[in-house]
């Protein structure tokens, strides 16, 4: 699904920390690119920034979004060393519905 993808923004001098962020949108709209405004401030601190998409309702009902979030984190865990991130230092956050996914 085109919504299930990652955007990885590596830090110029990575410190190993990784932040995966999920977008908001009430489960029905939004896209991962909304969260890219955060990347410059975080990558300047050495954090590898990742924003992840997930399938939206009503076409995809819960817990589809939660499974997509799990899959995104698993994918980040496997590829993040290529971007200077430490798979044991992945942090998760989000905005609105994305914050709900992060909390779950």
C-alpha atoms as a PDB file:
ATOM      1  CA  UNK A   1       0.000   0.000   0.000  1.00  0.00           C
ATOM      2  CA  UNK A   2       1.459   3.411  -0.891  1.00  0.00           C
ATOM      3  CA  UNK A   3       0.564   4.747   2.561  1.00  0.00           C
ATOM      4  CA  UNK A   4       2.803   2.146   4.215  1.00  0.00           C
ATOM      5  CA  UNK A   5       6.194   3.644   3.637  1.00  0.00           C
ATOM      6  CA  UNK A   6       8.990   5.353   5.512  1.00  0.00           C
ATOM      7  CA  UNK A   7      10.866   8.575   5.007  1.00  0.00           C
ATOM      8  CA  UNK A   8      14.255   8.452   6.709  1.00  0.00           C
ATOM      9  CA  UNK A   9      16.175  11.676   7.268  1.00  0.00           C
ATOM     10  CA  UNK A  10      19.665  10.831   8.515  1.00  0.00           C
ATOM     11  CA  UNK A  11      21.663  13.201  10.667  1.00  0.00           C
ATOM     12  CA  UNK A  12      24.952  14.510   9.250  1.00  0.00           C
ATOM     13  CA  UNK A  13      26.628  13.358  12.477  1.00  0.00           C
ATOM     14  CA  UNK A  14      24.350  10.657  13.899  1.00  0.00           C
ATOM     15  CA  UNK A  15      24.459   9.968  17.642  1.00  0.00           C
ATOM     16  CA  UNK A  16      22.567   6.685  17.305  1.00  0.00           C
ATOM     17  CA  UNK A  17      19.203   7.988  18.522  1.00  0.00           C
ATOM     18  CA  UNK A  18      16.259   7.413  16.198  1.00  0.00           C
ATOM     19  CA  UNK A  19      12.824   9.034  16.387  1.00  0.00           C
ATOM     20  CA  UNK A  20       9.955   7.406  14.495  1.00  0.00           C
ATOM     21  CA  UNK A  21       6.958   9.752  14.165  1.00  0.00           C
ATOM     22  CA  UNK A  22       3.413   8.942  13.035  1.00  0.00           C
ATOM     23  CA  UNK A  23       1.147  11.666  11.573  1.00  0.00           C
ATOM     24  CA  UNK A  24      -2.251  12.703  12.832  1.00  0.00           C
ATOM     25  CA  UNK A  25      -5.467  13.021  10.885  1.00  0.00           C
ATOM     26  CA  UNK A  26      -8.190  11.347  12.893  1.00  0.00           C
ATOM     27  CA  UNK A  27      -7.310   7.947  11.369  1.00  0.00           C
ATOM     28  CA  UNK A  28      -9.003   9.092   8.139  1.00  0.00           C
ATOM     29  CA  UNK A  29      -6.559  11.503   6.489  1.00  0.00           C
ATOM     30  CA  UNK A  30      -3.010  12.775   6.555  1.00  0.00           C
ATOM     31  CA  UNK A  31       0.307  11.555   5.303  1.00  0.00           C
ATOM     32  CA  UNK A  32       3.789  11.041   6.697  1.00  0.00           C
ATOM     33  CA  UNK A  33       5.237  14.090   4.954  1.00  0.00           C
ATOM     34  CA  UNK A  34       3.280  16.348   7.339  1.00  0.00           C
ATOM     35  CA  UNK A  35       5.822  15.539  10.014  1.00  0.00           C
ATOM     36  CA  UNK A  36       8.958  16.428   8.046  1.00  0.00           C
ATOM     37  CA  UNK A  37       8.977  19.954   9.495  1.00  0.00           C
ATOM     38  CA  UNK A  38      10.505  18.375  12.619  1.00  0.00           C
ATOM     39  CA  UNK A  39      13.475  16.802  10.852  1.00  0.00           C
ATOM     40  CA  UNK A  40      15.918  19.751  10.630  1.00  0.00           C
ATOM     41  CA  UNK A  41      15.862  20.509  14.359  1.00  0.00           C
ATOM     42  CA  UNK A  42      16.311  16.858  15.308  1.00  0.00           C
ATOM     43  CA  UNK A  43      18.916  15.901  12.735  1.00  0.00           C
ATOM     44  CA  UNK A  44      20.946  18.959  13.822  1.00  0.00           C
ATOM     45  CA  UNK A  45      21.117  17.273  17.245  1.00  0.00           C
ATOM     46  CA  UNK A  46      22.312  13.995  15.729  1.00  0.00           C
ATOM     47  CA  UNK A  47      18.946  12.210  15.786  1.00  0.00           C
ATOM     48  CA  UNK A  48      17.991  10.109  12.774  1.00  0.00           C
ATOM     49  CA  UNK A  49      14.422  11.151  11.970  1.00  0.00           C
ATOM     50  CA  UNK A  50      11.869   8.750  10.503  1.00  0.00           C
ATOM     51  CA  UNK A  51       8.274   9.414   9.601  1.00  0.00           C
ATOM     52  CA  UNK A  52       6.037   6.455   8.847  1.00  0.00           C
ATOM     53  CA  UNK A  53       2.734   6.165   7.028  1.00  0.00           C
ATOM     54  CA  UNK A  54      -0.172   3.864   7.742  1.00  0.00           C
ATOM     55  CA  UNK A  55      -3.388   2.863   5.988  1.00  0.00           C
ATOM     56  CA  UNK A  56      -6.389   5.076   6.690  1.00  0.00           C
ATOM     57  CA  UNK A  57     -10.006   4.539   7.728  1.00  0.00           C
ATOM     58  CA  UNK A  58     -12.704   4.022   6.648  1.00  0.00           C
ATOM     59  CA  UNK A  59     -11.194   1.786   3.946  1.00  0.00           C
ATOM     60  CA  UNK A  60      -8.989   0.149   6.579  1.00  0.00           C
ATOM     61  CA  UNK A  61     -10.473  -0.396  10.011  1.00  0.00           C
ATOM     62  CA  UNK A  62      -8.651  -0.668  13.319  1.00  0.00           C
ATOM     63  CA  UNK A  63      -6.367  -2.489  14.135  1.00  0.00           C
ATOM     64  CA  UNK A  64      -4.942  -2.170  10.611  1.00  0.00           C
ATOM     65  CA  UNK A  65      -3.208   1.100  11.567  1.00  0.00           C
ATOM     66  CA  UNK A  66      -1.648  -0.495  14.646  1.00  0.00           C
ATOM     67  CA  UNK A  67      -0.303  -3.403  12.590  1.00  0.00           C
ATOM     68  CA  UNK A  68       1.103  -0.918  10.077  1.00  0.00           C
ATOM     69  CA  UNK A  69       2.833   0.928  12.934  1.00  0.00           C
ATOM     70  CA  UNK A  70       4.322  -2.331  14.231  1.00  0.00           C
ATOM     71  CA  UNK A  71       5.543  -3.172  10.733  1.00  0.00           C
ATOM     72  CA  UNK A  72       7.051   0.309  10.327  1.00  0.00           C
ATOM     73  CA  UNK A  73       8.993   0.033  13.578  1.00  0.00           C
ATOM     74  CA  UNK A  74      10.210  -3.441  12.641  1.00  0.00           C
ATOM     75  CA  UNK A  75      11.366  -2.123   9.261  1.00  0.00           C
ATOM     76  CA  UNK A  76      13.168   0.794  10.924  1.00  0.00           C
ATOM     77  CA  UNK A  77      14.845  -1.617  13.333  1.00  0.00           C
ATOM     78  CA  UNK A  78      16.231  -3.666  10.457  1.00  0.00           C
ATOM     79  CA  UNK A  79      17.462  -0.838   8.187  1.00  0.00           C
ATOM     80  CA  UNK A  80      18.405   1.958  10.570  1.00  0.00           C
ATOM     81  CA  UNK A  81      22.072   0.973  10.978  1.00  0.00           C
ATOM     82  CA  UNK A  82      22.541   1.914   7.303  1.00  0.00           C
ATOM     83  CA  UNK A  83      21.605   5.493   8.296  1.00  0.00           C
ATOM     84  CA  UNK A  84      23.732   5.762  11.426  1.00  0.00           C
ATOM     85  CA  UNK A  85      20.950   4.835  13.819  1.00  0.00           C
ATOM     86  CA  UNK A  86      21.157   2.327  16.648  1.00  0.00           C
ATOM     87  CA  UNK A  87      18.309  -0.228  16.522  1.00  0.00           C
ATOM     88  CA  UNK A  88      18.389  -0.361  20.323  1.00  0.00           C
ATOM     89  CA  UNK A  89      17.756   3.401  20.575  1.00  0.00           C
ATOM     90  CA  UNK A  90      14.502   3.806  18.662  1.00  0.00           C
ATOM     91  CA  UNK A  91      11.994   6.219  20.181  1.00  0.00           C
ATOM     92  CA  UNK A  92       8.413   6.609  18.968  1.00  0.00           C
ATOM     93  CA  UNK A  93       6.105   9.630  18.880  1.00  0.00           C
ATOM     94  CA  UNK A  94       3.294  11.139  16.911  1.00  0.00           C
ATOM     95  CA  UNK A  95       0.703  13.838  16.520  1.00  0.00           C
ATOM     96  CA  UNK A  96      -2.953  13.246  17.403  1.00  0.00           C
ATOM     97  CA  UNK A  97      -3.923   9.846  15.899  1.00  0.00           C
ATOM     98  CA  UNK A  98      -0.204   9.236  15.402  1.00  0.00           C
ATOM     99  CA  UNK A  99       0.359   9.896  19.097  1.00  0.00           C
ATOM    100  CA  UNK A 100      -2.296   7.286  19.829  1.00  0.00           C
ATOM    101  CA  UNK A 101      -0.416   4.794  17.637  1.00  0.00           C
ATOM    102  CA  UNK A 102       2.840   5.646  19.402  1.00  0.00           C
ATOM    103  CA  UNK A 103       1.235   5.128  22.800  1.00  0.00           C
ATOM    104  CA  UNK A 104      -0.200   1.768  21.761  1.00  0.00           C
END
